[in-house]
Protein backbone atom coordinates (compact mmCIF):
# COMPACT_ATOMS: atom_id res chain seq x y z
CA MET A 1 -10.56 -15.65 42.92
CA GLN A 2 -9.64 -18.66 40.06
CA ALA A 3 -9.29 -15.93 37.35
CA LEU A 4 -6.91 -13.40 39.78
CA LYS A 5 -4.79 -16.25 40.57
CA ALA A 6 -4.33 -16.71 36.49
CA TRP A 7 -3.95 -13.48 36.28
CA ILE A 8 -1.09 -13.49 38.80
CA GLN A 9 0.77 -16.68 37.23
CA ARG A 10 0.60 -14.73 33.95
CA TYR A 11 2.39 -12.29 34.65
CA GLN A 12 4.27 -13.40 37.15
CA LEU A 13 3.26 -11.34 40.14
CA ALA A 14 3.79 -13.22 42.96
CA SER A 15 6.82 -11.85 43.71
CA LEU A 16 5.49 -7.98 43.56
CA VAL A 17 2.65 -9.22 45.87
CA LEU A 18 5.71 -10.41 48.89
CA LEU A 19 7.38 -7.00 47.46
CA THR A 20 4.02 -4.77 48.02
CA VAL A 21 3.12 -7.11 51.80
CA LEU A 22 7.01 -5.84 52.43
CA LEU A 23 6.93 -2.25 51.65
CA ALA A 24 3.46 -1.44 52.74
CA VAL A 25 2.91 -3.28 55.88
CA ALA A 26 5.99 -4.98 56.94
CA LEU A 27 8.52 -2.12 57.17
CA PRO A 28 6.41 0.94 58.17
CA LEU A 29 5.21 -1.35 61.32
CA ALA A 30 9.02 -2.61 61.89
CA LEU A 31 11.08 1.01 61.56
CA ASP A 32 10.78 4.82 63.05
CA ILE A 33 9.69 7.60 60.72
CA PHE A 34 13.09 8.49 60.16
CA ARG A 35 14.53 5.09 58.97
CA LEU A 36 11.10 4.73 57.00
CA ASN A 37 11.89 8.02 54.94
CA LEU A 38 15.37 6.60 54.55
CA VAL A 39 13.47 4.04 52.89
CA GLY A 40 10.83 6.15 50.88
CA LYS A 41 14.50 7.91 49.66
CA TYR A 42 15.89 4.71 48.62
CA LEU A 43 12.29 3.93 47.19
CA THR A 44 12.71 6.59 44.20
CA TYR A 45 16.38 5.17 43.02
CA ALA A 46 14.54 2.35 42.51
CA PHE A 47 12.01 3.85 40.18
CA VAL A 48 15.46 4.56 37.98
CA ALA A 49 16.37 1.03 38.41
CA ILE A 50 12.78 -0.32 36.53
CA GLY A 51 13.78 1.75 33.92
CA LEU A 52 17.05 0.30 33.23
CA VAL A 53 15.94 -3.16 33.67
CA MET A 54 13.47 -1.91 30.13
CA VAL A 55 16.18 -0.30 28.80
CA TRP A 56 19.19 -2.23 29.77
CA GLY A 57 17.90 -5.70 30.60
CA TYR A 58 15.75 -6.13 28.00
CA GLY A 59 16.51 -2.99 25.18
CA GLY A 60 20.22 -4.22 25.38
CA VAL A 61 21.09 -0.32 26.17
CA LEU A 62 23.27 0.64 28.68
CA SER A 63 22.89 4.09 29.25
CA LEU A 64 24.88 6.02 31.81
CA GLY A 65 23.54 9.14 32.25
CA GLN A 66 19.44 8.51 33.90
CA GLY A 67 20.53 10.81 36.69
CA VAL A 68 20.28 13.27 34.74
CA PHE A 69 16.82 12.62 34.22
CA PHE A 70 16.16 11.69 37.67
CA GLY A 71 17.78 15.38 38.43
CA LEU A 72 15.09 17.02 35.58
CA GLY A 73 12.50 15.04 36.97
CA GLY A 74 12.92 16.40 40.72
CA TYR A 75 13.98 19.83 39.66
CA ALA A 76 10.73 20.32 37.89
CA MET A 77 9.15 19.74 41.01
CA ALA A 78 12.34 22.00 43.20
CA MET A 79 10.96 24.94 40.66
CA PHE A 80 7.18 24.73 41.94
CA LEU A 81 7.93 24.37 45.85
CA LYS A 82 10.20 26.98 45.97
CA LEU A 83 7.92 29.28 44.60
CA GLU A 84 5.75 28.47 46.59
CA ALA A 85 8.27 28.94 49.16
CA SER A 86 9.42 32.56 48.12
CA ASP A 87 6.09 34.15 48.25
CA PRO A 88 6.39 37.81 48.98
CA ILE A 89 5.54 37.96 52.30
CA SER A 90 8.61 35.08 53.39
CA THR A 91 11.11 36.82 51.15
CA LYS A 92 10.38 40.19 52.57
CA ILE A 93 13.64 41.15 54.05
CA GLN A 94 15.31 40.30 50.11
CA SER A 95 15.99 43.25 47.96
CA THR A 96 13.50 41.80 45.80
CA PRO A 97 10.99 40.26 46.87
CA GLY A 98 8.91 37.24 45.35
CA ILE A 99 11.83 35.56 44.01
CA PRO A 100 14.00 32.83 45.06
CA ASP A 101 16.77 33.85 47.55
CA PHE A 102 19.10 32.36 45.34
CA MET A 103 18.11 34.42 42.07
CA ASP A 104 18.45 37.79 45.15
CA TRP A 105 21.73 37.18 45.74
CA ASN A 106 22.98 36.80 42.08
CA GLN A 107 21.25 40.39 41.70
CA LEU A 108 18.08 39.08 39.41
CA THR A 109 15.04 41.81 40.06
CA GLU A 110 12.20 39.75 38.28
CA LEU A 111 11.85 36.08 37.51
CA PRO A 112 12.81 34.13 34.65
CA SER A 113 10.18 33.55 32.08
CA PHE A 114 10.52 30.13 31.66
CA TRP A 115 10.64 29.83 35.52
CA LEU A 116 6.34 31.09 35.18
CA PRO A 117 5.18 28.55 33.72
CA PHE A 118 6.17 26.28 37.52
CA LYS A 119 3.86 28.40 39.37
CA SER A 120 1.22 25.91 38.40
CA LEU A 121 1.12 22.16 40.44
CA PRO A 122 -0.50 21.02 37.16
CA PHE A 123 2.26 21.87 34.73
CA SER A 124 5.09 20.95 36.80
CA LEU A 125 3.54 17.73 37.03
CA ALA A 126 3.40 17.06 33.65
CA ALA A 127 6.95 18.30 33.17
CA VAL A 128 8.31 16.25 36.08
CA ILE A 129 7.44 13.71 33.03
CA ALA A 130 7.64 15.85 29.99
CA VAL A 131 10.74 17.01 30.45
CA PRO A 132 13.03 14.07 30.69
CA THR A 133 11.02 11.72 27.94
CA LEU A 134 11.83 15.20 25.66
CA LEU A 135 15.50 15.08 26.36
CA ALA A 136 15.43 11.68 26.02
CA TRP A 137 13.90 11.37 22.49
CA LEU A 138 16.29 14.26 21.89
CA ILE A 139 18.94 12.00 22.34
CA SER A 140 17.78 8.10 21.38
CA PHE A 141 16.55 9.42 18.23
CA ALA A 142 20.00 10.94 17.03
CA MET A 143 21.48 8.46 18.10
CA PHE A 144 19.74 5.12 17.11
CA LYS A 145 18.38 6.53 13.94
CA ARG A 146 21.98 6.69 13.19
CA ARG A 147 22.72 3.11 14.39
CA VAL A 148 25.13 4.79 17.06
CA GLY A 149 24.44 1.62 20.00
CA GLY A 150 26.48 -0.05 22.49
CA VAL A 151 29.99 1.51 24.76
CA TYR A 152 29.48 4.63 22.11
CA PHE A 153 26.21 4.63 23.02
CA ALA A 154 27.12 4.78 27.09
CA ILE A 155 29.86 7.16 26.25
CA ILE A 156 27.78 9.59 25.00
CA THR A 157 25.08 9.37 27.82
CA GLN A 158 27.92 9.32 30.19
CA ALA A 159 28.85 13.26 28.29
CA VAL A 160 25.23 14.51 28.64
CA ALA A 161 25.30 13.81 32.20
CA LEU A 162 28.42 15.78 32.34
CA ILE A 163 27.09 18.40 29.90
CA VAL A 164 24.01 19.07 32.41
CA THR A 165 26.03 19.27 35.39
CA VAL A 166 28.02 21.66 34.22
CA LEU A 167 25.23 23.64 33.09
CA ILE A 168 23.18 23.78 36.25
CA ILE A 169 26.40 24.22 38.42
CA GLY A 170 26.89 27.20 35.78
CA GLN A 171 23.73 29.03 35.61
CA GLN A 172 23.62 29.87 39.71
CA GLY A 173 21.14 33.02 39.40
CA TYR A 174 18.71 30.50 37.56
CA THR A 175 19.58 26.92 39.07
CA GLY A 176 20.98 27.70 42.57
CA GLY A 177 24.00 26.88 41.52
CA VAL A 178 26.25 23.97 42.90
CA ASN A 179 24.09 24.48 46.43
CA GLY A 180 20.88 23.10 44.34
CA MET A 181 17.02 24.32 45.50
CA THR A 182 16.42 24.16 49.36
CA ASP A 183 14.19 24.85 52.27
CA LEU A 184 11.11 23.20 50.00
CA LYS A 185 8.89 22.81 52.84
CA THR A 186 5.36 23.12 51.92
CA LEU A 187 3.28 21.88 49.00
CA TRP A 188 -0.22 23.90 47.88
CA GLY A 189 0.15 24.93 51.60
CA TRP A 190 0.70 21.32 52.77
CA ASP A 191 3.66 20.65 55.22
CA THR A 192 5.82 18.11 53.92
CA ARG A 193 7.89 18.01 56.74
CA THR A 194 5.58 16.95 59.62
CA ASP A 195 5.45 12.70 60.38
CA SER A 196 1.90 12.52 58.62
CA ALA A 197 3.25 13.83 55.63
CA LYS A 198 6.45 11.80 55.75
CA TYR A 199 3.89 8.48 55.72
CA ILE A 200 1.44 9.79 53.52
CA LEU A 201 4.57 10.54 50.80
CA TYR A 202 5.81 7.30 51.89
CA TYR A 203 2.99 5.58 50.58
CA VAL A 204 1.76 7.61 47.76
CA CYS A 205 5.92 6.48 46.41
CA VAL A 206 5.39 2.79 46.98
CA ALA A 207 1.75 3.06 45.33
CA LEU A 208 3.48 4.90 42.35
CA LEU A 209 6.46 2.15 42.44
CA ILE A 210 4.08 -0.99 42.64
CA GLY A 211 1.66 0.81 39.10
CA ALA A 212 5.44 1.26 37.45
CA ILE A 213 6.57 -2.10 38.24
CA VAL A 214 3.04 -3.47 36.87
CA LEU A 215 3.14 -1.19 34.14
CA CYS A 216 6.83 -2.56 32.82
CA ARG A 217 5.70 -6.46 33.56
CA TRP A 218 2.50 -5.88 30.99
CA ILE A 219 5.24 -3.98 28.32
CA GLN A 220 7.16 -7.03 28.86
CA THR A 221 4.86 -9.34 28.28
CA GLY A 222 3.31 -8.12 25.09
CA LYS A 223 4.91 -7.80 21.69
CA VAL A 224 7.08 -5.02 22.28
CA GLY A 225 8.63 -7.16 25.14
CA THR A 226 8.97 -10.14 22.99
CA LEU A 227 10.67 -7.49 20.12
CA LEU A 228 13.21 -6.16 22.73
CA LEU A 229 14.27 -9.84 23.91
CA ALA A 230 14.88 -10.07 19.93
CA MET A 231 16.06 -7.32 19.25
CA ARG A 232 18.55 -7.34 22.63
CA ASP A 233 19.76 -11.35 20.86
CA LYS A 234 19.71 -10.68 17.52
CA GLU A 235 18.81 -7.25 16.30
CA ASP A 236 19.33 -7.41 12.55
CA ARG A 237 17.10 -10.37 12.39
CA VAL A 238 14.45 -8.10 13.65
CA ARG A 239 15.65 -5.57 11.46
CA PHE A 240 15.21 -8.14 8.17
CA SER A 241 11.50 -8.78 9.39
CA GLY A 242 10.78 -5.59 9.00
CA TYR A 243 10.79 -3.85 12.15
CA ASP A 244 11.98 -0.38 12.64
CA VAL A 245 14.63 -1.27 15.70
CA ALA A 246 15.55 2.74 16.31
CA ASN A 247 11.96 2.97 17.58
CA PHE A 248 11.51 0.68 19.79
CA LYS A 249 14.74 1.50 21.33
CA VAL A 250 13.66 5.54 21.22
CA PHE A 251 10.57 3.63 23.05
CA VAL A 252 11.91 2.22 26.02
CA PHE A 253 14.88 4.78 26.37
CA CYS A 254 11.99 7.56 26.57
CA LEU A 255 10.17 5.60 29.21
CA ALA A 256 12.90 4.31 31.68
CA ALA A 257 13.19 8.59 31.32
CA ALA A 258 9.93 9.10 31.96
CA LEU A 259 10.31 6.93 35.47
CA SER A 260 13.44 8.48 36.40
CA GLY A 261 11.69 11.88 36.65
CA VAL A 262 8.82 10.66 38.45
CA GLY A 263 11.43 8.84 40.75
CA GLY A 264 13.53 12.68 41.37
CA ALA A 265 10.05 14.21 41.81
CA LEU A 266 9.39 12.02 44.74
CA PHE A 267 12.47 12.49 45.65
CA THR A 268 12.33 15.93 46.07
CA LEU A 269 9.07 16.02 48.30
CA GLN A 270 10.09 13.58 50.26
CA VAL A 271 13.69 14.96 51.33
CA GLY A 272 13.14 19.07 50.63
CA PHE A 273 15.70 19.26 48.03
CA MET A 274 17.42 19.48 45.14
CA SER A 275 21.03 19.68 44.01
CA PRO A 276 23.41 18.72 40.65
CA SER A 277 24.48 16.52 42.85
CA PHE A 278 22.36 13.50 42.15
CA VAL A 279 22.48 14.93 38.15
CA GLY A 280 26.33 13.79 37.64
CA ILE A 281 28.22 10.84 36.13
CA VAL A 282 28.74 9.17 39.52
CA PRO A 283 25.32 9.21 40.87
CA SER A 284 24.32 7.50 37.30
CA ILE A 285 26.48 4.65 37.54
CA GLU A 286 25.44 4.11 41.43
CA MET A 287 22.02 3.80 39.64
CA VAL A 288 23.54 0.82 37.06
CA ILE A 289 25.32 -1.02 40.32
CA TYR A 290 21.11 -0.70 41.58
CA ALA A 291 19.91 -2.56 38.90
CA ALA A 292 22.99 -4.98 38.35
CA VAL A 293 22.95 -6.37 42.05
CA GLY A 294 19.10 -7.15 41.92
CA GLY A 295 19.47 -8.19 38.53
CA ARG A 296 18.92 -6.18 35.14
CA MET A 297 16.44 -8.99 34.18
CA SER A 298 14.01 -8.76 37.23
CA LEU A 299 11.95 -5.53 38.26
CA VAL A 300 10.73 -6.27 41.43
CA GLY A 301 14.82 -7.68 41.78
CA ALA A 302 15.98 -4.17 40.65
CA VAL A 303 14.39 -2.62 43.86
CA TYR A 304 15.98 -5.63 46.46
CA GLY A 305 18.75 -4.46 45.00
CA THR A 306 18.44 -0.87 45.43
CA LEU A 307 17.35 -1.47 48.94
CA LEU A 308 20.25 -3.67 49.47
CA VAL A 309 23.05 -1.53 48.20
CA ASN A 310 21.29 2.14 50.15
CA ALA A 311 20.81 0.24 52.91
CA GLY A 312 24.75 -1.43 53.22
CA LYS A 313 25.64 2.30 52.12
CA THR A 314 23.75 3.96 55.47
CA TYR A 315 24.83 1.13 57.67
CA PHE A 316 28.78 0.95 56.46
CA SER A 317 28.70 5.03 56.37
CA GLU A 318 27.76 5.10 60.34
CA SER A 319 29.30 2.31 61.42
CA PHE A 320 32.59 2.68 59.67
CA PRO A 321 32.84 6.37 58.78
CA ASP A 322 36.62 5.90 57.30
CA LEU A 323 36.55 2.95 55.25
CA TRP A 324 32.60 2.58 54.07
CA LEU A 325 33.87 3.80 50.88
CA PHE A 326 36.11 0.67 50.73
CA LEU A 327 33.58 -1.82 51.86
CA MET A 328 30.77 -0.82 49.56
CA ALA A 329 33.35 -1.24 46.41
CA GLY A 330 34.17 -4.54 48.06
CA LEU A 331 30.48 -5.37 48.07
CA PHE A 332 29.76 -4.14 44.45
CA ILE A 333 32.50 -6.36 43.36
CA GLY A 334 32.06 -9.67 45.19
CA VAL A 335 28.26 -9.64 44.51
CA THR A 336 28.92 -9.23 40.81
CA MET A 337 31.73 -11.44 40.45
CA ALA A 338 29.82 -14.40 42.72
CA PHE A 339 26.15 -13.68 41.14
CA PRO A 340 26.76 -12.42 37.36
CA MET A 341 22.98 -11.88 36.93
CA GLY A 342 22.44 -10.34 40.51
CA LEU A 343 19.63 -11.32 43.03
CA ALA A 344 16.96 -12.81 40.76
CA GLY A 345 19.48 -14.52 38.76
CA LEU A 346 20.76 -16.28 42.57
CA TRP A 347 16.58 -16.75 43.36
CA GLU A 348 16.48 -18.31 39.75
CA SER A 349 19.62 -21.10 39.58
CA ARG A 350 20.21 -21.53 43.50
CA ILE A 351 16.75 -21.04 45.53
CA VAL A 352 14.44 -22.57 43.46
CA PRO A 353 16.11 -25.53 42.22
CA TRP A 354 16.51 -26.55 45.65
CA TRP A 355 12.70 -25.44 46.78
CA ASN A 356 11.95 -28.03 44.02
CA SER A 357 14.16 -30.86 44.45
CA ARG A 358 12.78 -30.37 48.19
CA ARG A 359 8.91 -30.67 46.97
CA LYS A 360 9.94 -33.68 44.85
CA GLY A 361 11.68 -35.23 47.55
CA THR A 362 8.46 -35.13 49.85
CA ALA A 363 6.39 -36.28 46.96
CA PRO A 364 7.59 -39.87 47.18
CA ALA A 365 7.48 -40.10 50.75
CA ALA A 366 3.77 -39.05 50.60
CA ALA A 367 3.19 -41.62 48.20
CA GLN A 368 4.55 -43.88 50.11
CA VAL A 369 2.61 -43.55 53.53
CA ALA A 370 -0.56 -43.26 51.14
CA GLN A 371 0.68 -47.19 49.61
CA ALA A 372 1.35 -48.06 53.25
CA ALA A 373 -2.09 -47.24 54.27
CA PRO A 374 -4.58 -50.35 54.75
CA ALA A 375 -7.04 -50.66 51.85
CA PRO A 376 -10.98 -50.46 52.14
CA ALA A 377 -12.36 -53.61 53.17
CA LEU A 378 -13.87 -55.56 49.91
CA ALA A 379 -17.22 -56.41 51.65
CA ALA A 380 -18.28 -51.90 51.60
CA THR A 381 -17.25 -51.63 47.43
CA LYS A 382 -18.16 -54.65 45.71
CA PRO A 383 -22.42 -54.03 46.65
CA THR A 384 -21.88 -50.62 45.32
CA SER A 385 -19.91 -51.77 42.16
CA ALA A 386 -22.68 -54.74 41.14
CA LEU A 387 -24.98 -51.60 41.69
CA SER A 388 -23.62 -49.41 39.25
CA GLU A 389 -23.15 -52.37 36.53
CA GLY A 390 -26.25 -52.66 37.07
CA MET A 391 -27.75 -49.41 36.46
CA GLY A 392 -25.69 -49.59 33.53
CA ARG A 393 -26.87 -52.22 32.28
CA GLN A 394 -31.12 -50.97 32.64
CA GLY A 395 -29.66 -47.74 30.79
CA VAL A 396 -29.70 -45.28 33.74
């Protein structure tokens, strides 16, 4: 038990334990399946926010194109699900049975060759991580090796998000176009639309999210995390110390892309579709806001920020359909101006000092009570002391 407590203190996982209890116990007991499914959708965005904590908070590299990696992971999973839903029996009314419906609408008569590997679930799961990571490696290697960073890198990632969005929409016969891939119902014959399936997918999402936080926290507490912080603050000093700064930036950017891809795949499974509306510039900027509101230096705070922003977005859109965009903008501006370090910064700068001051205030009171208590009788203590002294003299 002591070893477990020491491990939790070392990696600062007490807040993670509280988050796990909230997600795995409190919310499933308090919410109906519809609301819980909404929370599960929000948690898929949290993978992107965690990646941004690593690449932006620790690495000092702001990326405004994380929606690209989220979308690529989602499309990789959607391609497998769409092929499973497009068996010859289900598509017998089409001109060409056995291919996705949007391909038939665009006069394609056979399945494109790059779609064929996605008939395999293991390949699709590997592609969920490999495809976003490969694209991230190409972008980051080309940029960081040439020492392109700061606002220039942020603009380039925005341009990549725009290019990928236009490419997906333009290749309608291969990607589903602006409508995306819809009507995704089963995973290896398992109906993902049932209530039991939604509960299972929710808990899978929670488990993978907690695992992602533990992995990132392990990286933060190691040598790589220390170097990332040093690079963020004094990049030239790290370079002059003999480290290749570009390699560390490439690594953390690829890590963030892989996490985003996992989130996109889980989104596709829980929601049942994927479209280019999750790939462009606007969703990418929203994902940065999740990390900013939660705290760009806090992994757990990024999750809370994601839940808060999306819950506010849902509430405002349901209660004030004509004003919700203005209310959300006001929330973003107010939080970032009042708490520049997000919810985690508010916790560390206000709540923790207040709690410590209360504890210090109660400690002197307890000491005064102890001093006011009557001292034990001398007759009861002296014989024991005398006996101890006698045994000491005799060498016992």
